[in-house]
Amino acid sequence: MGTLVDFQSAIWRALQAEPTLTALVSTRIFDDTPHESETTSTVFPRVTIGEQTGREDGSDTHDAIAISITIHAWSRAAGRKECLNILSAINTALHNKSHAVATGLIVFLLYDEHETQREPDGETSHGIIRFSGLLQYG
């Protein structure tokens, strides 16, 4: 399962390397939602790498996992513009790009869908963007 950890690391690196995204959220790109005790957890905007799903998709000639990943954007700016700009920058970083993974290569990662919603606190916009792809390894 080291391949999946490497996949998550590659996604984090790709997000950190996207200048439009870092202009919006600085270094607040997390591989999980920060705990409230962490000082950065109350700073907005921010991005968190969310849920992943995968299933075997290899063949006789290669090992592969069909994979899906969800990325979350959080903003407290008025309206949804900032949240949508963050989702757009995430899409720029990940859509239709190959990313090197220590134990393999993401053959492709494609945009699936996105949504925005207002959190129950009435202040926070929550953007959700999903991608799917193929992780070839071995």
N, C-alpha and C. Protein backbone atom coordinates (compact mmCIF):
# COMPACT_ATOMS: atom_id res chain seq x y z
N MET A 1 0.80 -1.21 0.00
CA MET A 1 0.00 0.00 0.00
C MET A 1 0.84 1.27 0.00
N GLY A 2 2.16 1.13 -0.03
CA GLY A 2 3.01 2.31 -0.12
C GLY A 2 2.72 3.13 -1.36
N THR A 3 2.25 2.46 -2.40
CA THR A 3 1.90 3.16 -3.63
C THR A 3 0.85 4.23 -3.38
N LEU A 4 -0.13 3.93 -2.50
CA LEU A 4 -1.20 4.90 -2.22
C LEU A 4 -0.68 6.09 -1.43
N VAL A 5 0.24 5.85 -0.52
CA VAL A 5 0.86 6.95 0.22
C VAL A 5 1.66 7.82 -0.75
N ASP A 6 2.39 7.17 -1.66
CA ASP A 6 3.14 7.92 -2.66
C ASP A 6 2.20 8.74 -3.56
N PHE A 7 1.05 8.17 -3.89
CA PHE A 7 0.05 8.89 -4.68
C PHE A 7 -0.40 10.15 -3.95
N GLN A 8 -0.73 10.02 -2.67
CA GLN A 8 -1.16 11.19 -1.89
C GLN A 8 -0.06 12.24 -1.84
N SER A 9 1.17 11.81 -1.66
CA SER A 9 2.30 12.75 -1.64
C SER A 9 2.45 13.47 -2.97
N ALA A 10 2.27 12.75 -4.07
CA ALA A 10 2.38 13.36 -5.40
C ALA A 10 1.29 14.41 -5.60
N ILE A 11 0.09 14.13 -5.13
CA ILE A 11 -1.00 15.11 -5.24
C ILE A 11 -0.66 16.36 -4.43
N TRP A 12 -0.19 16.17 -3.21
CA TRP A 12 0.19 17.31 -2.36
C TRP A 12 1.27 18.14 -3.04
N ARG A 13 2.29 17.48 -3.59
CA ARG A 13 3.37 18.22 -4.27
C ARG A 13 2.84 18.99 -5.48
N ALA A 14 1.94 18.38 -6.25
CA ALA A 14 1.38 19.06 -7.42
C ALA A 14 0.58 20.29 -7.01
N LEU A 15 -0.17 20.19 -5.93
CA LEU A 15 -0.93 21.34 -5.44
C LEU A 15 0.02 22.44 -4.95
N GLN A 16 1.06 22.06 -4.21
CA GLN A 16 2.03 23.04 -3.70
C GLN A 16 2.78 23.73 -4.84
N ALA A 17 2.92 23.05 -5.97
CA ALA A 17 3.69 23.60 -7.10
C ALA A 17 2.87 24.50 -8.01
N GLU A 18 1.56 24.58 -7.79
CA GLU A 18 0.71 25.40 -8.66
C GLU A 18 0.71 26.85 -8.16
N PRO A 19 1.35 27.79 -8.87
CA PRO A 19 1.49 29.16 -8.36
C PRO A 19 0.15 29.88 -8.14
N THR A 20 -0.82 29.63 -8.98
CA THR A 20 -2.12 30.29 -8.79
C THR A 20 -2.76 29.84 -7.49
N LEU A 21 -2.62 28.57 -7.18
CA LEU A 21 -3.19 28.05 -5.94
C LEU A 21 -2.45 28.60 -4.72
N THR A 22 -1.13 28.59 -4.75
CA THR A 22 -0.39 29.10 -3.59
C THR A 22 -0.57 30.61 -3.42
N ALA A 23 -0.86 31.32 -4.51
CA ALA A 23 -1.16 32.75 -4.38
C ALA A 23 -2.47 32.95 -3.61
N LEU A 24 -3.38 31.99 -3.74
CA LEU A 24 -4.68 32.08 -3.05
C LEU A 24 -4.64 31.57 -1.62
N VAL A 25 -3.92 30.46 -1.37
CA VAL A 25 -3.97 29.82 -0.05
C VAL A 25 -2.63 29.77 0.66
N SER A 26 -1.59 30.31 0.05
CA SER A 26 -0.24 30.26 0.61
C SER A 26 0.17 28.80 0.79
N THR A 27 0.67 28.45 1.95
CA THR A 27 1.11 27.08 2.21
C THR A 27 0.04 26.25 2.90
N ARG A 28 -1.17 26.76 2.98
CA ARG A 28 -2.24 26.06 3.71
C ARG A 28 -2.89 24.99 2.83
N ILE A 29 -2.08 24.01 2.47
CA ILE A 29 -2.53 22.83 1.71
C ILE A 29 -2.21 21.63 2.58
N PHE A 30 -3.24 20.97 3.06
CA PHE A 30 -3.07 19.91 4.05
C PHE A 30 -3.48 18.56 3.47
N ASP A 31 -2.87 17.49 4.01
CA ASP A 31 -3.26 16.15 3.58
C ASP A 31 -4.39 15.61 4.45
N ASP A 32 -4.92 16.44 5.32
CA ASP A 32 -6.07 16.09 6.15
C ASP A 32 -6.58 17.39 6.77
N THR A 33 -7.79 17.37 7.27
CA THR A 33 -8.32 18.56 7.92
C THR A 33 -7.55 18.82 9.21
N PRO A 34 -6.99 20.01 9.39
CA PRO A 34 -6.24 20.30 10.62
C PRO A 34 -7.14 20.20 11.85
N HIS A 35 -6.55 19.77 12.95
CA HIS A 35 -7.29 19.73 14.21
C HIS A 35 -7.44 21.15 14.74
N GLU A 36 -8.51 21.40 15.46
CA GLU A 36 -8.77 22.75 15.96
C GLU A 36 -7.65 23.27 16.85
N SER A 37 -6.88 22.38 17.47
CA SER A 37 -5.79 22.83 18.34
C SER A 37 -4.61 23.37 17.53
N GLU A 38 -4.57 23.09 16.23
CA GLU A 38 -3.49 23.60 15.40
C GLU A 38 -3.79 25.04 15.01
N THR A 39 -2.79 25.89 15.10
CA THR A 39 -3.03 27.32 14.85
C THR A 39 -3.49 27.60 13.43
N THR A 40 -3.07 26.80 12.47
CA THR A 40 -3.44 27.05 11.08
C THR A 40 -4.87 26.61 10.78
N SER A 41 -5.51 25.90 11.70
CA SER A 41 -6.84 25.36 11.40
C SER A 41 -7.90 26.45 11.30
N THR A 42 -7.64 27.60 11.86
CA THR A 42 -8.63 28.67 11.81
C THR A 42 -8.30 29.71 10.75
N VAL A 43 -7.26 29.47 9.98
CA VAL A 43 -6.85 30.41 8.95
C VAL A 43 -7.47 30.00 7.62
N PHE A 44 -8.08 30.96 6.96
CA PHE A 44 -8.71 30.73 5.66
C PHE A 44 -8.07 31.66 4.64
N PRO A 45 -8.10 31.31 3.37
CA PRO A 45 -8.59 30.07 2.80
C PRO A 45 -7.57 28.95 2.98
N ARG A 46 -8.03 27.71 2.75
CA ARG A 46 -7.15 26.55 2.84
C ARG A 46 -7.69 25.42 1.97
N VAL A 47 -6.85 24.42 1.75
CA VAL A 47 -7.18 23.26 0.93
C VAL A 47 -6.83 22.01 1.73
N THR A 48 -7.68 21.00 1.63
CA THR A 48 -7.36 19.71 2.23
C THR A 48 -7.57 18.60 1.20
N ILE A 49 -6.64 17.65 1.20
CA ILE A 49 -6.79 16.46 0.37
C ILE A 49 -7.73 15.53 1.12
N GLY A 50 -8.78 15.11 0.45
CA GLY A 50 -9.82 14.33 1.12
C GLY A 50 -9.82 12.87 0.76
N GLU A 51 -11.01 12.39 0.54
CA GLU A 51 -11.27 10.97 0.38
C GLU A 51 -10.67 10.41 -0.91
N GLN A 52 -10.26 9.14 -0.80
CA GLN A 52 -9.76 8.41 -1.96
C GLN A 52 -10.49 7.08 -2.05
N THR A 53 -10.72 6.62 -3.25
CA THR A 53 -11.21 5.27 -3.48
C THR A 53 -10.37 4.67 -4.59
N GLY A 54 -10.27 3.35 -4.59
CA GLY A 54 -9.50 2.69 -5.62
C GLY A 54 -9.96 1.26 -5.83
N ARG A 55 -9.65 0.75 -7.02
CA ARG A 55 -9.95 -0.64 -7.32
C ARG A 55 -8.89 -1.15 -8.30
N GLU A 56 -8.63 -2.44 -8.26
CA GLU A 56 -7.66 -3.07 -9.15
C GLU A 56 -8.07 -2.85 -10.60
N ASP A 57 -7.10 -2.46 -11.43
CA ASP A 57 -7.38 -2.23 -12.84
C ASP A 57 -6.17 -2.62 -13.70
N GLY A 58 -5.42 -3.62 -13.23
CA GLY A 58 -4.23 -4.04 -13.94
C GLY A 58 -4.55 -5.04 -15.04
N SER A 59 -3.48 -5.52 -15.66
CA SER A 59 -3.60 -6.52 -16.72
C SER A 59 -2.45 -7.50 -16.58
N ASP A 60 -2.30 -8.37 -17.55
CA ASP A 60 -1.19 -9.32 -17.54
C ASP A 60 0.16 -8.62 -17.67
N THR A 61 0.16 -7.42 -18.23
CA THR A 61 1.42 -6.73 -18.50
C THR A 61 1.77 -5.61 -17.52
N HIS A 62 0.81 -5.15 -16.72
CA HIS A 62 1.11 -4.09 -15.76
C HIS A 62 0.14 -4.13 -14.58
N ASP A 63 0.61 -3.61 -13.46
CA ASP A 63 -0.23 -3.45 -12.28
C ASP A 63 -0.77 -2.03 -12.28
N ALA A 64 -2.05 -1.88 -11.96
CA ALA A 64 -2.65 -0.54 -11.95
C ALA A 64 -3.83 -0.50 -11.00
N ILE A 65 -4.11 0.70 -10.53
CA ILE A 65 -5.27 0.96 -9.68
C ILE A 65 -6.06 2.09 -10.33
N ALA A 66 -7.36 1.86 -10.57
CA ALA A 66 -8.25 2.96 -10.96
C ALA A 66 -8.54 3.71 -9.67
N ILE A 67 -8.28 4.99 -9.66
CA ILE A 67 -8.32 5.74 -8.40
C ILE A 67 -9.16 7.00 -8.54
N SER A 68 -9.82 7.38 -7.46
CA SER A 68 -10.56 8.64 -7.39
C SER A 68 -10.09 9.39 -6.16
N ILE A 69 -10.05 10.70 -6.27
CA ILE A 69 -9.64 11.53 -5.13
C ILE A 69 -10.50 12.78 -5.08
N THR A 70 -10.79 13.22 -3.86
CA THR A 70 -11.57 14.43 -3.61
C THR A 70 -10.67 15.45 -2.91
N ILE A 71 -10.72 16.68 -3.37
CA ILE A 71 -9.97 17.79 -2.76
C ILE A 71 -10.99 18.81 -2.27
N HIS A 72 -10.78 19.34 -1.07
CA HIS A 72 -11.70 20.30 -0.46
C HIS A 72 -11.05 21.68 -0.39
N ALA A 73 -11.83 22.71 -0.69
CA ALA A 73 -11.40 24.11 -0.56
C ALA A 73 -12.29 24.78 0.48
N TRP A 74 -11.70 25.61 1.29
CA TRP A 74 -12.43 26.30 2.37
C TRP A 74 -12.13 27.79 2.29
N SER A 75 -13.17 28.61 2.36
CA SER A 75 -13.00 30.06 2.26
C SER A 75 -14.01 30.75 3.18
N ARG A 76 -13.61 31.89 3.70
CA ARG A 76 -14.54 32.72 4.46
C ARG A 76 -14.74 34.08 3.79
N ALA A 77 -14.29 34.21 2.56
CA ALA A 77 -14.52 35.45 1.82
C ALA A 77 -16.00 35.55 1.47
N ALA A 78 -16.48 36.76 1.31
CA ALA A 78 -17.89 36.96 0.95
C ALA A 78 -18.17 36.31 -0.40
N GLY A 79 -19.33 35.70 -0.52
CA GLY A 79 -19.70 35.04 -1.76
C GLY A 79 -18.93 33.74 -1.95
N ARG A 80 -18.94 33.25 -3.20
CA ARG A 80 -18.26 31.99 -3.50
C ARG A 80 -17.10 32.16 -4.48
N LYS A 81 -16.80 33.40 -4.83
CA LYS A 81 -15.78 33.66 -5.85
C LYS A 81 -14.43 33.09 -5.44
N GLU A 82 -13.97 33.37 -4.23
CA GLU A 82 -12.67 32.87 -3.81
C GLU A 82 -12.65 31.34 -3.82
N CYS A 83 -13.70 30.73 -3.32
CA CYS A 83 -13.80 29.28 -3.29
C CYS A 83 -13.72 28.69 -4.70
N LEU A 84 -14.44 29.30 -5.64
CA LEU A 84 -14.41 28.83 -7.02
C LEU A 84 -13.04 29.06 -7.67
N ASN A 85 -12.38 30.17 -7.33
CA ASN A 85 -11.03 30.40 -7.85
C ASN A 85 -10.06 29.34 -7.34
N ILE A 86 -10.22 28.93 -6.09
CA ILE A 86 -9.37 27.87 -5.53
C ILE A 86 -9.64 26.56 -6.26
N LEU A 87 -10.91 26.22 -6.49
CA LEU A 87 -11.23 24.99 -7.23
C LEU A 87 -10.63 25.03 -8.62
N SER A 88 -10.69 26.18 -9.27
CA SER A 88 -10.11 26.32 -10.61
C SER A 88 -8.60 26.08 -10.59
N ALA A 89 -7.93 26.62 -9.58
CA ALA A 89 -6.47 26.44 -9.46
C ALA A 89 -6.13 24.97 -9.17
N ILE A 90 -6.94 24.30 -8.37
CA ILE A 90 -6.74 22.87 -8.11
C ILE A 90 -6.87 22.10 -9.42
N ASN A 91 -7.88 22.45 -10.20
CA ASN A 91 -8.08 21.79 -11.50
C ASN A 91 -6.87 22.00 -12.41
N THR A 92 -6.34 23.21 -12.42
CA THR A 92 -5.15 23.49 -13.22
C THR A 92 -3.97 22.62 -12.78
N ALA A 93 -3.84 22.42 -11.49
CA ALA A 93 -2.73 21.63 -10.95
C ALA A 93 -2.84 20.14 -11.27
N LEU A 94 -4.06 19.62 -11.36
CA LEU A 94 -4.22 18.17 -11.42
C LEU A 94 -4.79 17.61 -12.72
N HIS A 95 -5.68 18.34 -13.38
CA HIS A 95 -6.40 17.80 -14.53
C HIS A 95 -5.48 17.48 -15.71
N ASN A 96 -5.61 16.26 -16.22
CA ASN A 96 -4.93 15.82 -17.43
C ASN A 96 -3.41 15.95 -17.35
N LYS A 97 -2.89 15.71 -16.15
CA LYS A 97 -1.44 15.78 -15.95
C LYS A 97 -0.96 14.44 -15.40
N SER A 98 0.25 14.06 -15.75
CA SER A 98 0.90 12.90 -15.16
C SER A 98 1.79 13.39 -14.03
N HIS A 99 1.80 12.66 -12.95
CA HIS A 99 2.60 13.03 -11.78
C HIS A 99 3.48 11.87 -11.38
N ALA A 100 4.77 12.13 -11.19
CA ALA A 100 5.70 11.08 -10.80
C ALA A 100 5.40 10.61 -9.38
N VAL A 101 5.38 9.31 -9.22
CA VAL A 101 5.19 8.67 -7.92
C VAL A 101 6.37 7.75 -7.72
N ALA A 102 6.94 7.71 -6.51
CA ALA A 102 8.14 6.91 -6.25
C ALA A 102 7.97 5.46 -6.70
N THR A 103 6.79 4.89 -6.53
CA THR A 103 6.58 3.48 -6.86
C THR A 103 5.78 3.29 -8.14
N GLY A 104 5.67 4.32 -8.95
CA GLY A 104 4.91 4.19 -10.18
C GLY A 104 4.69 5.52 -10.85
N LEU A 105 3.66 5.61 -11.63
CA LEU A 105 3.33 6.83 -12.35
C LEU A 105 1.82 6.93 -12.48
N ILE A 106 1.27 8.09 -12.19
CA ILE A 106 -0.14 8.31 -12.46
C ILE A 106 -0.24 8.50 -13.97
N VAL A 107 -0.86 7.57 -14.63
CA VAL A 107 -0.96 7.65 -16.08
C VAL A 107 -1.81 8.84 -16.48
N PHE A 108 -2.90 9.05 -15.78
CA PHE A 108 -3.70 10.25 -16.02
C PHE A 108 -4.55 10.54 -14.78
N LEU A 109 -4.95 11.78 -14.66
CA LEU A 109 -5.86 12.22 -13.62
C LEU A 109 -6.77 13.24 -14.27
N LEU A 110 -8.07 12.98 -14.27
CA LEU A 110 -9.03 13.82 -14.98
C LEU A 110 -10.09 14.38 -14.03
N TYR A 111 -10.50 15.61 -14.30
CA TYR A 111 -11.58 16.25 -13.56
C TYR A 111 -12.88 15.47 -13.75
N ASP A 112 -13.60 15.21 -12.65
CA ASP A 112 -14.90 14.56 -12.71
C ASP A 112 -16.04 15.56 -12.47
N GLU A 113 -15.99 16.24 -11.32
CA GLU A 113 -17.08 17.14 -10.95
C GLU A 113 -16.65 18.04 -9.81
N HIS A 114 -17.45 19.06 -9.56
CA HIS A 114 -17.22 19.91 -8.39
C HIS A 114 -18.56 20.41 -7.86
N GLU A 115 -18.52 20.91 -6.65
CA GLU A 115 -19.70 21.54 -6.04
C GLU A 115 -19.22 22.54 -5.00
N THR A 116 -20.07 23.49 -4.69
CA THR A 116 -19.80 24.39 -3.57
C THR A 116 -21.03 24.40 -2.67
N GLN A 117 -20.78 24.64 -1.41
CA GLN A 117 -21.87 24.71 -0.44
C GLN A 117 -21.48 25.63 0.70
N ARG A 118 -22.47 26.13 1.39
CA ARG A 118 -22.24 26.96 2.57
C ARG A 118 -22.27 26.04 3.78
N GLU A 119 -21.25 26.15 4.63
CA GLU A 119 -21.19 25.33 5.84
C GLU A 119 -22.23 25.84 6.85
N PRO A 120 -22.61 24.99 7.82
CA PRO A 120 -23.63 25.37 8.80
C PRO A 120 -23.30 26.63 9.62
N ASP A 121 -22.01 27.00 9.71
CA ASP A 121 -21.66 28.20 10.47
C ASP A 121 -22.12 29.48 9.77
N GLY A 122 -22.56 29.36 8.50
CA GLY A 122 -23.05 30.52 7.76
C GLY A 122 -21.97 31.42 7.22
N GLU A 123 -20.72 31.14 7.53
CA GLU A 123 -19.60 31.98 7.11
C GLU A 123 -18.67 31.31 6.11
N THR A 124 -18.60 30.00 6.15
CA THR A 124 -17.59 29.27 5.40
C THR A 124 -18.16 28.68 4.11
N SER A 125 -17.50 28.97 3.01
CA SER A 125 -17.81 28.31 1.74
C SER A 125 -16.93 27.07 1.65
N HIS A 126 -17.52 25.97 1.22
CA HIS A 126 -16.82 24.69 1.11
C HIS A 126 -16.92 24.23 -0.34
N GLY A 127 -15.79 24.15 -1.00
CA GLY A 127 -15.74 23.66 -2.37
C GLY A 127 -15.22 22.23 -2.39
N ILE A 128 -15.78 21.42 -3.23
CA ILE A 128 -15.40 20.02 -3.34
C ILE A 128 -15.16 19.73 -4.82
N ILE A 129 -13.98 19.18 -5.14
CA ILE A 129 -13.66 18.84 -6.52
C ILE A 129 -13.13 17.41 -6.54
N ARG A 130 -13.60 16.65 -7.54
CA ARG A 130 -13.23 15.23 -7.62
C ARG A 130 -12.53 14.93 -8.94
N PHE A 131 -11.56 14.04 -8.84
CA PHE A 131 -10.78 13.58 -9.99
C PHE A 131 -10.74 12.06 -9.99
N SER A 132 -10.56 11.50 -11.18
CA SER A 132 -10.32 10.07 -11.28
C SER A 132 -9.17 9.83 -12.24
N GLY A 133 -8.54 8.70 -12.08
CA GLY A 133 -7.40 8.42 -12.94
C GLY A 133 -6.93 6.99 -12.81
N LEU A 134 -5.75 6.76 -13.33
CA LEU A 134 -5.16 5.44 -13.32
C LEU A 134 -3.74 5.56 -12.78
N LEU A 135 -3.47 4.79 -11.74
CA LEU A 135 -2.14 4.74 -11.13
C LEU A 135 -1.49 3.44 -11.55
N GLN A 136 -0.51 3.53 -12.39
CA GLN A 136 0.23 2.35 -12.84
C GLN A 136 1.48 2.23 -11.99
N TYR A 137 1.79 1.05 -11.54
CA TYR A 137 2.94 0.85 -10.66
C TYR A 137 3.57 -0.51 -10.93
N GLY A 138 4.70 -0.73 -10.28
CA GLY A 138 5.37 -2.02 -10.35
C GLY A 138 6.21 -2.21 -11.58
